[in-house]
C-alpha atoms as a PDB file:
ATOM      1  CA  MET A   1       0.029  -0.022   0.087  1.00  0.00           C
ATOM      2  CA  GLY A   2       1.285   3.310  -0.967  1.00  0.00           C
ATOM      3  CA  PRO A   3       1.886   6.309   1.686  1.00  0.00           C
ATOM      4  CA  ARG A   4      -0.943   8.491   0.261  1.00  0.00           C
ATOM      5  CA  LYS A   5      -3.537   5.539   0.362  1.00  0.00           C
ATOM      6  CA  ALA A   6      -2.654   4.734   3.738  1.00  0.00           C
ATOM      7  CA  ALA A   7      -2.537   8.188   5.011  1.00  0.00           C
ATOM      8  CA  ASP A   8      -6.197   8.657   3.465  1.00  0.00           C
ATOM      9  CA  ILE A   9      -7.273   5.679   5.454  1.00  0.00           C
ATOM     10  CA  PHE A  10      -5.604   6.624   8.580  1.00  0.00           C
ATOM     11  CA  ILE A  11      -6.814  10.416   8.620  1.00  0.00           C
ATOM     12  CA  ASN A  12     -10.412   9.105   8.040  1.00  0.00           C
ATOM     13  CA  GLN A  13     -10.326   6.822  10.726  1.00  0.00           C
ATOM     14  CA  TYR A  14      -8.694   9.163  13.252  1.00  0.00           C
ATOM     15  CA  ALA A  15      -9.925  12.522  11.959  1.00  0.00           C
ATOM     16  CA  GLU A  16     -10.221  14.170  15.681  1.00  0.00           C
ATOM     17  CA  ALA A  17      -6.432  13.677  16.249  1.00  0.00           C
ATOM     18  CA  ALA A  18      -4.834  16.839  16.920  1.00  0.00           C
ATOM     19  CA  ARG A  19      -1.365  15.888  15.513  1.00  0.00           C
ATOM     20  CA  PHE A  20       0.149  12.847  13.578  1.00  0.00           C
ATOM     21  CA  ARG A  21       3.686  11.275  13.931  1.00  0.00           C
ATOM     22  CA  VAL A  22       4.577   9.217  10.773  1.00  0.00           C
ATOM     23  CA  THR A  23       7.855   7.258  10.704  1.00  0.00           C
ATOM     24  CA  LEU A  24       9.053   5.973   7.255  1.00  0.00           C
ATOM     25  CA  TYR A  25      11.375   3.333   7.272  1.00  0.00           C
ATOM     26  CA  GLY A  26      13.755   1.199   5.101  1.00  0.00           C
ATOM     27  CA  SER A  27      13.783   2.033   1.451  1.00  0.00           C
ATOM     28  CA  LEU A  28      10.769   4.224   1.523  1.00  0.00           C
ATOM     29  CA  ALA A  29      12.715   6.438   4.025  1.00  0.00           C
ATOM     30  CA  ALA A  30      15.932   6.424   1.958  1.00  0.00           C
ATOM     31  CA  THR A  31      13.942   7.257  -1.470  1.00  0.00           C
ATOM     32  CA  GLY A  32      10.685   9.003  -0.122  1.00  0.00           C
ATOM     33  CA  LYS A  33      11.818  12.504  -0.552  1.00  0.00           C
ATOM     34  CA  GLY A  34      12.772  11.721  -4.233  1.00  0.00           C
ATOM     35  CA  HIS A  35       9.377  10.122  -4.881  1.00  0.00           C
ATOM     36  CA  LEU A  36       7.571  13.221  -3.294  1.00  0.00           C
ATOM     37  CA  THR A  37       6.141  11.028  -0.244  1.00  0.00           C
ATOM     38  CA  ASP A  38       6.734  13.958   2.198  1.00  0.00           C
ATOM     39  CA  LYS A  39       4.819  16.319  -0.227  1.00  0.00           C
ATOM     40  CA  ALA A  40       1.686  13.720  -0.423  1.00  0.00           C
ATOM     41  CA  LEU A  41       1.585  13.276   3.330  1.00  0.00           C
ATOM     42  CA  PHE A  42       1.841  16.881   4.044  1.00  0.00           C
ATOM     43  CA  GLU A  43      -1.176  17.672   1.562  1.00  0.00           C
ATOM     44  CA  ILE A  44      -3.148  14.916   3.137  1.00  0.00           C
ATOM     45  CA  PHE A  45      -2.162  15.592   7.116  1.00  0.00           C
ATOM     46  CA  GLY A  46      -1.506  19.197   6.813  1.00  0.00           C
ATOM     47  CA  LYS A  47       2.092  20.721   7.783  1.00  0.00           C
ATOM     48  CA  GLU A  48       0.794  21.855  11.218  1.00  0.00           C
ATOM     49  CA  LYS A  49      -0.474  18.540  12.234  1.00  0.00           C
ATOM     50  CA  LEU A  50       2.212  16.237  10.930  1.00  0.00           C
ATOM     51  CA  GLU A  51       5.592  15.392  12.429  1.00  0.00           C
ATOM     52  CA  LEU A  52       7.529  13.246   9.676  1.00  0.00           C
ATOM     53  CA  ILE A  53      10.515  11.150  10.760  1.00  0.00           C
ATOM     54  CA  TRP A  54      12.832   9.374   8.218  1.00  0.00           C
ATOM     55  CA  GLU A  55      14.381   6.081   9.499  1.00  0.00           C
ATOM     56  CA  PRO A  56      16.535   4.509   6.442  1.00  0.00           C
ATOM     57  CA  ILE A  57      18.607   2.232   8.743  1.00  0.00           C
ATOM     58  CA  ALA A  58      21.710   4.399   8.345  1.00  0.00           C
ATOM     59  CA  GLY A  59      20.952   4.576   4.515  1.00  0.00           C
ATOM     60  CA  LEU A  60      21.985   1.112   3.930  1.00  0.00           C
ATOM     61  CA  VAL A  61      18.908   0.275   2.121  1.00  0.00           C
ATOM     62  CA  GLN A  62      19.936   2.395  -0.983  1.00  0.00           C
ATOM     63  CA  ILE A  63      22.412  -0.225  -2.277  1.00  0.00           C
ATOM     64  CA  PRO A  64      19.740  -2.941  -2.436  1.00  0.00           C
ATOM     65  CA  CYS A  65      17.344  -0.452  -4.199  1.00  0.00           C
ATOM     66  CA  ILE A  66      20.090   0.515  -6.411  1.00  0.00           C
ATOM     67  CA  GLU A  67      21.042  -3.050  -7.367  1.00  0.00           C
ATOM     68  CA  ARG A  68      17.231  -4.021  -7.684  1.00  0.00           C
ATOM     69  CA  ASN A  69      16.987  -1.128 -10.203  1.00  0.00           C
ATOM     70  CA  ALA A  70      19.803  -2.187 -12.333  1.00  0.00           C
ATOM     71  CA  PHE A  71      18.613  -5.938 -12.697  1.00  0.00           C
ATOM     72  CA  ALA A  72      15.282  -4.532 -13.536  1.00  0.00           C
ATOM     73  CA  ALA A  73      16.622  -2.395 -16.127  1.00  0.00           C
ATOM     74  CA  ALA A  74      18.618  -5.261 -17.414  1.00  0.00           C
ATOM     75  CA  ARG A  75      15.536  -7.339 -17.385  1.00  0.00           C
ATOM     76  CA  ALA A  76      13.631  -4.822 -19.321  1.00  0.00           C
ATOM     77  CA  MET A  77      16.366  -4.700 -21.918  1.00  0.00           C
ATOM     78  CA  ASP A  78      16.082  -8.452 -22.279  1.00  0.00           C
ATOM     79  CA  SER A  79      12.435  -8.603 -22.409  1.00  0.00           C
ATOM     80  CA  CYS A  80      12.460  -5.956 -25.354  1.00  0.00           C
ATOM     81  CA  ALA A  81      15.041  -7.959 -27.085  1.00  0.00           C
ATOM     82  CA  TYR A  82      13.018 -11.237 -26.707  1.00  0.00           C
ATOM     83  CA  ALA A  83       9.618  -9.752 -27.740  1.00  0.00           C
ATOM     84  CA  THR A  84      11.143  -7.918 -30.779  1.00  0.00           C
ATOM     85  CA  LEU A  85      12.951 -11.407 -31.901  1.00  0.00           C
ATOM     86  CA  SER A  86      10.119 -13.857 -30.935  1.00  0.00           C
ATOM     87  CA  ASP A  87       7.123 -15.011 -33.272  1.00  0.00           C
ATOM     88  CA  GLY A  88       4.847 -14.124 -30.573  1.00  0.00           C
ATOM     89  CA  LYS A  89       3.606 -17.588 -29.261  1.00  0.00           C
ATOM     90  CA  HIS A  90       4.191 -18.332 -25.667  1.00  0.00           C
ATOM     91  CA  ARG A  91       4.172 -21.513 -23.812  1.00  0.00           C
ATOM     92  CA  VAL A  92       2.588 -19.495 -20.647  1.00  0.00           C
ATOM     93  CA  SER A  93       0.202 -16.859 -21.214  1.00  0.00           C
ATOM     94  CA  PHE A  94       0.552 -13.271 -20.014  1.00  0.00           C
ATOM     95  CA  ASP A  95      -2.537 -13.832 -17.694  1.00  0.00           C
ATOM     96  CA  LYS A  96      -1.317 -16.891 -16.118  1.00  0.00           C
ATOM     97  CA  THR A  97       1.973 -15.283 -15.521  1.00  0.00           C
ATOM     98  CA  VAL A  98       0.566 -12.412 -13.692  1.00  0.00           C
ATOM     99  CA  ILE A  99      -1.578 -14.647 -11.433  1.00  0.00           C
ATOM    100  CA  THR A 100       1.567 -16.688 -10.528  1.00  0.00           C
ATOM    101  CA  MET A 101       3.429 -13.709  -9.853  1.00  0.00           C
ATOM    102  CA  LYS A 102       0.586 -12.393  -7.496  1.00  0.00           C
ATOM    103  CA  GLN A 103       0.600 -15.787  -5.633  1.00  0.00           C
ATOM    104  CA  THR A 104       4.450 -15.834  -5.329  1.00  0.00           C
ATOM    105  CA  GLY A 105       4.130 -12.213  -3.876  1.00  0.00           C
ATOM    106  CA  ASN A 106       1.347 -13.375  -1.409  1.00  0.00           C
ATOM    107  CA  ASP A 107       3.322 -16.323  -0.320  1.00  0.00           C
ATOM    108  CA  LEU A 108       6.370 -14.218   0.413  1.00  0.00           C
ATOM    109  CA  PRO A 109       6.324 -13.548   4.092  1.00  0.00           C
ATOM    110  CA  SER A 110       6.107  -9.880   4.795  1.00  0.00           C
ATOM    111  CA  LEU A 111       9.401  -9.825   6.711  1.00  0.00           C
ATOM    112  CA  TYR A 112      11.210  -9.765   3.388  1.00  0.00           C
ATOM    113  CA  LYS A 113       8.777  -7.206   1.784  1.00  0.00           C
ATOM    114  CA  GLU A 114      10.916  -3.973   2.269  1.00  0.00           C
ATOM    115  CA  THR A 115      10.025  -3.910   5.827  1.00  0.00           C
ATOM    116  CA  SER A 116      13.500  -3.429   7.132  1.00  0.00           C
ATOM    117  CA  GLU A 117      12.626  -6.488   9.616  1.00  0.00           C
ATOM    118  CA  GLY A 118      14.282  -9.249   7.947  1.00  0.00           C
ATOM    119  CA  GLY A 119      17.405 -10.122   5.766  1.00  0.00           C
ATOM    120  CA  LEU A 120      20.312  -8.069   5.765  1.00  0.00           C
ATOM    121  CA  ALA A 121      18.371  -5.178   7.764  1.00  0.00           C
ATOM    122  CA  LEU A 122      18.711  -7.245  10.960  1.00  0.00           C
ATOM    123  CA  PHE A 123      22.684  -6.668  10.771  1.00  0.00           C
ATOM    124  CA  CYS A 124      22.248  -3.214  10.082  1.00  0.00           C
ATOM    125  CA  ARG A 125      20.599  -1.605  13.260  1.00  0.00           C
END
């Protein structure tokens, strides 16, 4: 769930609150300003009601993000080359692939889903 959607849900549930303290962890904290997360949260909560805290675990989550983006860019180039050179026939349909990817994501414990609560993050506290 994105920060804007989470903020919308939260402010509707606690509309009577005088102030809000939001702590962003992990890669969201490390990259949130570049993605304008702070501006989105200030729009929803208001600057006078929001205390925003950034906790990227010493900035160490940036390296996995950079590596992941590099691998994703390489996969995109490979996919483009494959699509350009293939005859368009596939053994597995796109829909089945998306369903399988969704199930894989659901099966993966949230501990490892950029929560900074598992994996290498345990050694960087």
